[in-house]
């Protein structure tokens, strides 16, 4: 896994779209490997970007 922590307590964030128009939010990328991107999503228990 490759950590996406830039500096202590500083992580890369991205905006993801929700199910309805105007329903987007930010998630934090915490790890990346060959098969997945692990995230912290404040709106769900998902930890994989592609299942969010």
PDB file of N, CA and C in Angstrom:
ATOM      1  N   UNK A   1       0.827  -1.182   0.000  1.00  0.00           N
ATOM      2  CA  UNK A   1       0.000   0.000   0.000  1.00  0.00           C
ATOM      3  C   UNK A   1       0.874   1.250   0.000  1.00  0.00           C
ATOM      4  N   UNK A   2       0.374   2.243  -0.639  1.00  0.00           N
ATOM      5  CA  UNK A   2       1.067   3.522  -0.697  1.00  0.00           C
ATOM      6  C   UNK A   2       0.251   4.546   0.087  1.00  0.00           C
ATOM      7  N   UNK A   3       0.836   5.123   1.089  1.00  0.00           N
ATOM      8  CA  UNK A   3       0.121   6.088   1.911  1.00  0.00           C
ATOM      9  C   UNK A   3      -0.002   7.416   1.182  1.00  0.00           C
ATOM     10  N   UNK A   4      -1.152   8.047   1.301  1.00  0.00           N
ATOM     11  CA  UNK A   4      -1.371   9.344   0.694  1.00  0.00           C
ATOM     12  C   UNK A   4      -1.325  10.458   1.727  1.00  0.00           C
ATOM     13  N   UNK A   5      -0.686  10.176   2.867  1.00  0.00           N
ATOM     14  CA  UNK A   5      -0.523  11.232   3.858  1.00  0.00           C
ATOM     15  C   UNK A   5       0.579  12.163   3.372  1.00  0.00           C
ATOM     16  N   UNK A   6       0.250  13.431   3.200  1.00  0.00           N
ATOM     17  CA  UNK A   6       1.189  14.399   2.659  1.00  0.00           C
ATOM     18  C   UNK A   6       2.115  14.918   3.753  1.00  0.00           C
ATOM     19  N   UNK A   7       1.566  15.367   4.822  1.00  0.00           N
ATOM     20  CA  UNK A   7       2.278  15.806   6.018  1.00  0.00           C
ATOM     21  C   UNK A   7       1.515  15.239   7.210  1.00  0.00           C
ATOM     22  N   UNK A   8       2.097  15.229   8.394  1.00  0.00           N
ATOM     23  CA  UNK A   8       1.311  14.750   9.543  1.00  0.00           C
ATOM     24  C   UNK A   8      -0.032  15.474   9.621  1.00  0.00           C
ATOM     25  N   UNK A   9      -1.098  14.701   9.714  1.00  0.00           N
ATOM     26  CA  UNK A   9      -2.475  15.191   9.806  1.00  0.00           C
ATOM     27  C   UNK A   9      -2.969  15.907   8.545  1.00  0.00           C
ATOM     28  N   UNK A  10      -2.337  15.697   7.410  1.00  0.00           N
ATOM     29  CA  UNK A  10      -2.771  16.295   6.149  1.00  0.00           C
ATOM     30  C   UNK A  10      -2.897  15.188   5.104  1.00  0.00           C
ATOM     31  N   UNK A  11      -4.114  14.970   4.580  1.00  0.00           N
ATOM     32  CA  UNK A  11      -4.385  13.908   3.621  1.00  0.00           C
ATOM     33  C   UNK A  11      -5.001  14.484   2.352  1.00  0.00           C
ATOM     34  N   UNK A  12      -4.928  13.723   1.275  1.00  0.00           N
ATOM     35  CA  UNK A  12      -5.552  14.080   0.012  1.00  0.00           C
ATOM     36  C   UNK A  12      -7.056  13.822   0.112  1.00  0.00           C
ATOM     37  N   UNK A  13      -7.875  14.785  -0.296  1.00  0.00           N
ATOM     38  CA  UNK A  13      -9.319  14.607  -0.318  1.00  0.00           C
ATOM     39  C   UNK A  13      -9.832  14.803  -1.738  1.00  0.00           C
ATOM     40  N   UNK A  14     -10.952  14.133  -2.026  1.00  0.00           N
ATOM     41  CA  UNK A  14     -11.597  14.266  -3.329  1.00  0.00           C
ATOM     42  C   UNK A  14     -13.095  14.443  -3.103  1.00  0.00           C
ATOM     43  N   UNK A  15     -13.772  14.968  -4.103  1.00  0.00           N
ATOM     44  CA  UNK A  15     -15.219  15.112  -4.038  1.00  0.00           C
ATOM     45  C   UNK A  15     -15.863  13.964  -4.798  1.00  0.00           C
ATOM     46  N   UNK A  16     -16.841  13.318  -4.167  1.00  0.00           N
ATOM     47  CA  UNK A  16     -17.569  12.226  -4.822  1.00  0.00           C
ATOM     48  C   UNK A  16     -19.029  12.631  -4.962  1.00  0.00           C
ATOM     49  N   UNK A  17     -19.661  12.149  -6.016  1.00  0.00           N
ATOM     50  CA  UNK A  17     -21.066  12.453  -6.273  1.00  0.00           C
ATOM     51  C   UNK A  17     -21.961  11.472  -5.548  1.00  0.00           C
ATOM     52  N   UNK A  18     -23.102  11.960  -5.081  1.00  0.00           N
ATOM     53  CA  UNK A  18     -24.090  11.109  -4.436  1.00  0.00           C
ATOM     54  C   UNK A  18     -25.078  10.551  -5.435  1.00  0.00           C
ATOM     55  N   UNK A  19     -26.141   9.944  -4.915  1.00  0.00           N
ATOM     56  CA  UNK A  19     -27.165   9.315  -5.767  1.00  0.00           C
ATOM     57  C   UNK A  19     -28.089  10.318  -6.432  1.00  0.00           C
ATOM     58  N   UNK A  20     -28.211  11.510  -5.864  1.00  0.00           N
ATOM     59  CA  UNK A  20     -29.128  12.507  -6.412  1.00  0.00           C
ATOM     60  C   UNK A  20     -28.354  13.767  -6.803  1.00  0.00           C
ATOM     61  N   UNK A  21     -28.866  14.557  -7.735  1.00  0.00           N
ATOM     62  CA  UNK A  21     -28.176  15.785  -8.146  1.00  0.00           C
ATOM     63  C   UNK A  21     -27.944  16.718  -6.950  1.00  0.00           C
ATOM     64  N   UNK A  22     -26.769  17.303  -6.897  1.00  0.00           N
ATOM     65  CA  UNK A  22     -26.422  18.209  -5.814  1.00  0.00           C
ATOM     66  C   UNK A  22     -26.009  17.526  -4.528  1.00  0.00           C
ATOM     67  N   UNK A  23     -25.934  16.210  -4.553  1.00  0.00           N
ATOM     68  CA  UNK A  23     -25.593  15.439  -3.352  1.00  0.00           C
ATOM     69  C   UNK A  23     -24.160  14.928  -3.476  1.00  0.00           C
ATOM     70  N   UNK A  24     -23.193  15.801  -3.267  1.00  0.00           N
ATOM     71  CA  UNK A  24     -21.802  15.397  -3.316  1.00  0.00           C
ATOM     72  C   UNK A  24     -21.150  15.701  -1.965  1.00  0.00           C
ATOM     73  N   UNK A  25     -20.007  15.077  -1.724  1.00  0.00           N
ATOM     74  CA  UNK A  25     -19.305  15.260  -0.455  1.00  0.00           C
ATOM     75  C   UNK A  25     -17.834  14.973  -0.655  1.00  0.00           C
ATOM     76  N   UNK A  26     -17.047  15.344   0.304  1.00  0.00           N
ATOM     77  CA  UNK A  26     -15.620  15.057   0.267  1.00  0.00           C
ATOM     78  C   UNK A  26     -15.298  13.785   1.016  1.00  0.00           C
ATOM     79  N   UNK A  27     -14.352  13.018   0.497  1.00  0.00           N
ATOM     80  CA  UNK A  27     -13.834  11.836   1.190  1.00  0.00           C
ATOM     81  C   UNK A  27     -12.316  11.943   1.220  1.00  0.00           C
ATOM     82  N   UNK A  28     -11.709  11.278   2.173  1.00  0.00           N
ATOM     83  CA  UNK A  28     -10.265  11.316   2.351  1.00  0.00           C
ATOM     84  C   UNK A  28      -9.650  10.021   1.856  1.00  0.00           C
ATOM     85  N   UNK A  29      -8.634  10.113   1.007  1.00  0.00           N
ATOM     86  CA  UNK A  29      -7.895   8.942   0.540  1.00  0.00           C
ATOM     87  C   UNK A  29      -6.817   8.635   1.575  1.00  0.00           C
ATOM     88  N   UNK A  30      -6.816   7.390   2.073  1.00  0.00           N
ATOM     89  CA  UNK A  30      -5.816   7.035   3.083  1.00  0.00           C
ATOM     90  C   UNK A  30      -4.788   6.031   2.580  1.00  0.00           C
ATOM     91  N   UNK A  31      -5.146   5.175   1.622  1.00  0.00           N
ATOM     92  CA  UNK A  31      -4.204   4.187   1.075  1.00  0.00           C
ATOM     93  C   UNK A  31      -4.594   3.818  -0.349  1.00  0.00           C
ATOM     94  N   UNK A  32      -3.598   3.443  -1.146  1.00  0.00           N
ATOM     95  CA  UNK A  32      -3.813   2.986  -2.516  1.00  0.00           C
ATOM     96  C   UNK A  32      -2.950   1.761  -2.753  1.00  0.00           C
ATOM     97  N   UNK A  33      -3.548   0.727  -3.369  1.00  0.00           N
ATOM     98  CA  UNK A  33      -2.742  -0.404  -3.820  1.00  0.00           C
ATOM     99  C   UNK A  33      -3.147  -0.736  -5.252  1.00  0.00           C
ATOM    100  N   UNK A  34      -2.703  -1.864  -5.783  1.00  0.00           N
ATOM    101  CA  UNK A  34      -2.967  -2.207  -7.178  1.00  0.00           C
ATOM    102  C   UNK A  34      -4.441  -2.455  -7.476  1.00  0.00           C
ATOM    103  N   UNK A  35      -5.237  -2.792  -6.454  1.00  0.00           N
ATOM    104  CA  UNK A  35      -6.618  -3.182  -6.691  1.00  0.00           C
ATOM    105  C   UNK A  35      -7.651  -2.273  -6.054  1.00  0.00           C
ATOM    106  N   UNK A  36      -7.263  -1.393  -5.150  1.00  0.00           N
ATOM    107  CA  UNK A  36      -8.268  -0.589  -4.465  1.00  0.00           C
ATOM    108  C   UNK A  36      -7.716   0.752  -3.993  1.00  0.00           C
ATOM    109  N   UNK A  37      -8.642   1.637  -3.711  1.00  0.00           N
ATOM    110  CA  UNK A  37      -8.329   2.931  -3.109  1.00  0.00           C
ATOM    111  C   UNK A  37      -9.123   2.995  -1.809  1.00  0.00           C
ATOM    112  N   UNK A  38      -8.431   3.042  -0.690  1.00  0.00           N
ATOM    113  CA  UNK A  38      -9.082   3.074   0.621  1.00  0.00           C
ATOM    114  C   UNK A  38      -9.350   4.512   1.030  1.00  0.00           C
ATOM    115  N   UNK A  39     -10.579   4.735   1.526  1.00  0.00           N
ATOM    116  CA  UNK A  39     -11.007   6.085   1.874  1.00  0.00           C
ATOM    117  C   UNK A  39     -11.630   6.123   3.264  1.00  0.00           C
ATOM    118  N   UNK A  40     -11.788   7.326   3.776  1.00  0.00           N
ATOM    119  CA  UNK A  40     -12.615   7.595   4.944  1.00  0.00           C
ATOM    120  C   UNK A  40     -13.772   8.442   4.439  1.00  0.00           C
ATOM    121  N   UNK A  41     -14.984   7.919   4.592  1.00  0.00           N
ATOM    122  CA  UNK A  41     -16.193   8.586   4.109  1.00  0.00           C
ATOM    123  C   UNK A  41     -17.058   8.929   5.319  1.00  0.00           C
ATOM    124  N   UNK A  42     -17.222  10.214   5.634  1.00  0.00           N
ATOM    125  CA  UNK A  42     -17.995  10.578   6.822  1.00  0.00           C
ATOM    126  C   UNK A  42     -19.482  10.228   6.724  1.00  0.00           C
ATOM    127  N   UNK A  43     -19.985   9.968   5.527  1.00  0.00           N
ATOM    128  CA  UNK A  43     -21.412   9.691   5.349  1.00  0.00           C
ATOM    129  C   UNK A  43     -21.741   8.202   5.274  1.00  0.00           C
ATOM    130  N   UNK A  44     -20.730   7.329   5.323  1.00  0.00           N
ATOM    131  CA  UNK A  44     -21.012   5.888   5.245  1.00  0.00           C
ATOM    132  C   UNK A  44     -19.895   5.094   5.903  1.00  0.00           C
ATOM    133  N   UNK A  45     -20.104   3.786   5.961  1.00  0.00           N
ATOM    134  CA  UNK A  45     -19.089   2.886   6.510  1.00  0.00           C
ATOM    135  C   UNK A  45     -18.187   2.310   5.429  1.00  0.00           C
ATOM    136  N   UNK A  46     -18.382   2.722   4.164  1.00  0.00           N
ATOM    137  CA  UNK A  46     -17.557   2.222   3.066  1.00  0.00           C
ATOM    138  C   UNK A  46     -16.102   2.640   3.253  1.00  0.00           C
ATOM    139  N   UNK A  47     -15.198   1.742   2.890  1.00  0.00           N
ATOM    140  CA  UNK A  47     -13.774   2.071   2.941  1.00  0.00           C
ATOM    141  C   UNK A  47     -13.123   1.952   1.569  1.00  0.00           C
ATOM    142  N   UNK A  48     -13.884   1.495   0.554  1.00  0.00           N
ATOM    143  CA  UNK A  48     -13.365   1.366  -0.807  1.00  0.00           C
ATOM    144  C   UNK A  48     -14.000   2.442  -1.682  1.00  0.00           C
ATOM    145  N   UNK A  49     -13.196   3.215  -2.368  1.00  0.00           N
ATOM    146  CA  UNK A  49     -13.699   4.334  -3.172  1.00  0.00           C
ATOM    147  C   UNK A  49     -14.748   3.882  -4.178  1.00  0.00           C
ATOM    148  N   UNK A  50     -14.537   2.758  -4.844  1.00  0.00           N
ATOM    149  CA  UNK A  50     -15.427   2.357  -5.949  1.00  0.00           C
ATOM    150  C   UNK A  50     -16.745   1.795  -5.457  1.00  0.00           C
ATOM    151  N   UNK A  51     -16.867   1.474  -4.165  1.00  0.00           N
ATOM    152  CA  UNK A  51     -18.156   1.001  -3.654  1.00  0.00           C
ATOM    153  C   UNK A  51     -18.917   2.111  -2.954  1.00  0.00           C
ATOM    154  N   UNK A  52     -18.343   3.315  -2.887  1.00  0.00           N
ATOM    155  CA  UNK A  52     -19.006   4.439  -2.202  1.00  0.00           C
ATOM    156  C   UNK A  52     -20.154   4.972  -3.032  1.00  0.00           C
TER     157      UNK A  52
END
